[in-house]
Amino acid sequence: MLGKIFTSTTARTFSRQAFQQTRNASTQASKTKLSRGEIALGIASALAGGAAGVQLMNPVHADAAADGLHPAAYPWAQNSPFSTFEHDSIRRGYQVYREVCAACHSLDRIAFRNLVGVSHTEEEAKAMAEECEYTDGPDDQGEMFQRPGKLSDYMPKPYPNEEAARAANGGAYPPDLSLIVKARHGGADYIFSLLTGYVDPPCRC
């Protein structure tokens, strides 16, 4: 029994130390290059912030919970009743989503206006929206037309439909990330553990 208690305590201590090291590294990161841990921290914080802001769906637990598999518990700032999300991490997480994740994953429930006052200023969000083109209409001639995006528009999708998404990913359908924190057992802990859990394969494999 004492061995189990010691092992559990040591594991929790190690998890907190690893988390703090990654968090410190993320705070000191340069704007041009992010490490794997910084990317994971940013994405997890950003997606947690997006899920908390939308609140449109009940949590759906993955099968891992039924199997007794649980990610390590990390001391996220937003878990404290006297704290909130780290907005710098949310901004870095959105940057990574935009440059990497958006190639496959959508944010169907997040509009550009949801970024205002959370990760970007209104001017920054407008500028990013205007970089995208949306089909609108009809016009006075009954024709559809393309226009620059605006704050009320939702994030553009990487694929026109599910079939195209599966065809581009070997049959797998990349999940939408709008509510991924609420949809996975462990929430932000799960995402952080997943993104930082990859290791090199053992030799001769």
Protein backbone atom coordinates (compact mmCIF):
# COMPACT_ATOMS: atom_id res chain seq x y z
CA MET A 1 0.00 0.00 0.00
CA LEU A 2 2.80 2.43 0.90
CA GLY A 3 4.49 1.58 -2.39
CA LYS A 4 1.34 2.46 -4.33
CA ILE A 5 0.93 5.72 -2.44
CA PHE A 6 4.56 6.64 -3.04
CA THR A 7 4.32 5.75 -6.75
CA SER A 8 1.12 7.77 -7.18
CA THR A 9 2.57 10.78 -5.37
CA THR A 10 5.80 10.63 -7.37
CA ALA A 11 3.86 10.44 -10.65
CA ARG A 12 1.77 13.45 -9.77
CA THR A 13 4.85 15.41 -8.72
CA PHE A 14 6.63 14.53 -11.95
CA SER A 15 3.60 15.51 -14.02
CA ARG A 16 3.39 18.90 -12.33
CA GLN A 17 7.13 19.49 -12.79
CA ALA A 18 6.98 18.55 -16.46
CA PHE A 19 3.97 20.79 -16.98
CA GLN A 20 5.63 23.73 -15.25
CA GLN A 21 8.78 23.33 -17.35
CA THR A 22 6.75 23.35 -20.54
CA ARG A 23 4.70 26.30 -19.36
CA ASN A 24 7.83 28.31 -18.56
CA ALA A 25 9.35 27.46 -21.92
CA SER A 26 6.15 28.52 -23.66
CA THR A 27 6.15 31.88 -21.90
CA GLN A 28 9.70 32.57 -23.05
CA ALA A 29 9.17 31.29 -26.60
CA SER A 30 10.07 33.37 -29.61
CA LYS A 31 7.33 34.45 -31.96
CA THR A 32 8.81 32.67 -34.94
CA LYS A 33 9.53 29.17 -33.74
CA LEU A 34 7.66 26.99 -31.23
CA SER A 35 8.74 23.69 -29.73
CA ARG A 36 6.53 20.59 -29.51
CA GLY A 37 5.68 21.23 -25.86
CA GLU A 38 4.87 24.89 -26.51
CA ILE A 39 2.66 23.96 -29.45
CA ALA A 40 0.79 21.40 -27.34
CA LEU A 41 0.33 23.84 -24.47
CA GLY A 42 -0.95 26.52 -26.79
CA ILE A 43 -3.36 24.23 -28.62
CA ALA A 44 -4.74 22.75 -25.41
CA SER A 45 -5.28 26.19 -23.90
CA ALA A 46 -6.80 27.57 -27.08
CA LEU A 47 -9.19 24.69 -27.55
CA ALA A 48 -10.13 24.76 -23.88
CA GLY A 49 -10.90 28.45 -24.19
CA GLY A 50 -12.96 27.88 -27.34
CA ALA A 51 -14.98 25.11 -25.74
CA ALA A 52 -15.68 27.20 -22.65
CA GLY A 53 -16.78 30.11 -24.79
CA VAL A 54 -19.15 28.18 -27.03
CA GLN A 55 -20.86 25.86 -24.52
CA LEU A 56 -23.26 24.44 -27.10
CA MET A 57 -22.95 20.71 -26.57
CA ASN A 58 -22.98 18.30 -23.62
CA PRO A 59 -19.72 16.45 -22.93
CA VAL A 60 -19.24 13.18 -24.78
CA HIS A 61 -16.75 10.84 -23.13
CA ALA A 62 -14.40 8.73 -25.20
CA ASP A 63 -14.07 4.98 -24.73
CA ALA A 64 -10.75 5.43 -22.93
CA ALA A 65 -12.60 6.39 -19.76
CA ALA A 66 -14.56 3.12 -19.79
CA ASP A 67 -11.28 1.26 -20.07
CA GLY A 68 -9.90 3.00 -16.99
CA LEU A 69 -7.39 5.06 -18.96
CA HIS A 70 -6.92 8.59 -17.66
CA PRO A 71 -4.46 11.32 -18.70
CA ALA A 72 -2.23 12.91 -16.10
CA ALA A 73 -3.79 15.86 -14.28
CA TYR A 74 -1.99 19.14 -14.99
CA PRO A 75 -2.37 22.34 -12.93
CA TRP A 76 -4.00 24.48 -15.62
CA ALA A 77 -4.48 28.09 -14.60
CA GLN A 78 -8.12 28.05 -15.67
CA ASN A 79 -8.89 25.25 -13.19
CA SER A 80 -8.60 27.68 -10.31
CA PRO A 81 -11.79 29.48 -9.24
CA PHE A 82 -9.75 32.68 -8.94
CA SER A 83 -8.04 32.51 -12.33
CA THR A 84 -8.90 32.34 -16.02
CA PHE A 85 -7.41 31.23 -19.31
CA GLU A 86 -3.94 32.40 -20.29
CA HIS A 87 -4.71 34.60 -23.27
CA ASP A 88 -1.13 34.49 -24.58
CA SER A 89 -1.38 30.70 -24.74
CA ILE A 90 -4.74 30.93 -26.52
CA ARG A 91 -3.20 33.29 -29.08
CA ARG A 92 -0.23 30.96 -29.66
CA GLY A 93 -2.60 28.01 -29.90
CA TYR A 94 -4.68 29.73 -32.56
CA GLN A 95 -1.51 30.58 -34.46
CA VAL A 96 -0.55 26.88 -34.49
CA TYR A 97 -4.09 25.86 -35.47
CA ARG A 98 -4.08 28.32 -38.35
CA GLU A 99 -0.64 27.30 -39.64
CA VAL A 100 -0.84 23.53 -39.01
CA CYS A 101 -4.14 22.06 -37.81
CA ALA A 102 -6.42 24.01 -40.17
CA ALA A 103 -5.10 21.98 -43.11
CA CYS A 104 -7.23 19.04 -41.91
CA HIS A 105 -9.39 20.12 -38.95
CA SER A 106 -12.29 22.56 -38.92
CA LEU A 107 -13.60 24.99 -36.29
CA ASP A 108 -17.23 24.99 -37.42
CA ARG A 109 -18.61 26.61 -34.26
CA ILE A 110 -16.01 29.36 -33.91
CA ALA A 111 -16.52 32.70 -35.69
CA PHE A 112 -13.88 35.39 -36.08
CA ARG A 113 -15.80 37.51 -33.58
CA ASN A 114 -15.08 34.88 -30.91
CA LEU A 115 -11.40 35.86 -31.07
CA VAL A 116 -12.05 39.51 -30.20
CA GLY A 117 -10.95 40.32 -26.66
CA VAL A 118 -9.77 36.73 -26.12
CA SER A 119 -6.73 36.26 -28.32
CA HIS A 120 -6.84 39.18 -30.78
CA THR A 121 -8.02 42.77 -31.07
CA GLU A 122 -11.04 43.63 -33.20
CA GLU A 123 -8.78 45.05 -35.92
CA GLU A 124 -6.65 41.89 -36.00
CA ALA A 125 -9.71 39.64 -36.19
CA LYS A 126 -11.19 41.75 -39.01
CA ALA A 127 -7.93 41.59 -40.95
CA MET A 128 -7.77 37.79 -40.63
CA ALA A 129 -11.41 37.45 -41.68
CA GLU A 130 -10.85 39.59 -44.76
CA GLU A 131 -8.08 37.24 -45.90
CA CYS A 132 -10.77 34.60 -46.53
CA GLU A 133 -13.43 34.63 -49.25
CA TYR A 134 -17.02 33.54 -48.68
CA THR A 135 -19.84 32.80 -51.08
CA ASP A 136 -22.76 35.18 -50.53
CA GLY A 137 -25.83 36.35 -52.31
CA PRO A 138 -27.84 36.35 -54.38
CA ASP A 139 -27.20 39.86 -55.70
CA ASP A 140 -29.65 42.05 -57.62
CA GLN A 141 -29.15 39.83 -60.67
CA GLY A 142 -29.85 36.65 -58.71
CA GLU A 143 -26.22 35.56 -58.85
CA MET A 144 -24.06 34.32 -56.01
CA PHE A 145 -20.80 36.17 -55.48
CA GLN A 146 -17.57 36.04 -53.50
CA ARG A 147 -16.86 38.58 -50.78
CA PRO A 148 -14.16 39.11 -48.14
CA GLY A 149 -14.89 37.62 -44.74
CA LYS A 150 -16.20 39.60 -41.79
CA LEU A 151 -16.34 39.12 -38.03
CA SER A 152 -19.67 37.27 -38.13
CA ASP A 153 -18.33 34.60 -40.50
CA TYR A 154 -17.29 31.22 -39.15
CA MET A 155 -13.85 29.76 -39.71
CA PRO A 156 -13.44 28.39 -43.24
CA LYS A 157 -13.54 24.63 -43.62
CA PRO A 158 -10.54 22.74 -45.01
CA TYR A 159 -12.78 20.45 -47.09
CA PRO A 160 -16.12 21.06 -48.86
CA ASN A 161 -17.72 17.92 -47.38
CA GLU A 162 -17.04 14.79 -45.31
CA GLU A 163 -16.38 12.62 -48.36
CA ALA A 164 -13.61 14.93 -49.55
CA ALA A 165 -12.10 14.96 -46.07
CA ARG A 166 -12.04 11.16 -45.90
CA ALA A 167 -10.61 10.86 -49.40
CA ALA A 168 -7.73 13.16 -48.46
CA ASN A 169 -6.95 11.31 -45.21
CA GLY A 170 -6.99 7.65 -46.14
CA GLY A 171 -10.61 7.15 -45.09
CA ALA A 172 -10.27 8.84 -41.69
CA TYR A 173 -12.44 11.86 -40.90
CA PRO A 174 -10.53 14.61 -39.04
CA PRO A 175 -12.74 15.71 -36.13
CA ASP A 176 -13.92 19.27 -35.76
CA LEU A 177 -11.96 20.97 -32.96
CA SER A 178 -14.57 23.50 -31.80
CA LEU A 179 -15.63 21.38 -28.82
CA ILE A 180 -12.87 18.77 -28.73
CA VAL A 181 -11.99 19.58 -25.09
CA LYS A 182 -15.57 18.85 -24.02
CA ALA A 183 -15.75 15.79 -26.26
CA ARG A 184 -12.75 13.96 -24.80
CA HIS A 185 -12.41 12.41 -21.36
CA GLY A 186 -9.77 14.43 -19.54
CA GLY A 187 -10.35 17.62 -21.54
CA ALA A 188 -7.23 19.75 -21.91
CA ASP A 189 -5.21 17.10 -20.03
CA TYR A 190 -6.06 14.58 -22.75
CA ILE A 191 -5.05 16.93 -25.57
CA PHE A 192 -1.78 17.91 -23.90
CA SER A 193 -0.93 14.27 -23.17
CA LEU A 194 -1.77 13.25 -26.72
CA LEU A 195 0.32 15.95 -28.40
CA THR A 196 3.34 15.43 -26.14
CA GLY A 197 3.09 11.64 -25.95
CA TYR A 198 4.68 10.79 -29.27
CA VAL A 199 8.08 9.12 -29.02
CA ASP A 200 10.53 7.65 -31.47
CA PRO A 201 9.81 3.98 -32.24
CA PRO A 202 12.11 1.40 -30.65
CA CYS A 203 15.00 0.11 -32.69
CA ARG A 204 14.41 -2.55 -35.36
CA CYS A 205 10.74 -1.64 -35.77
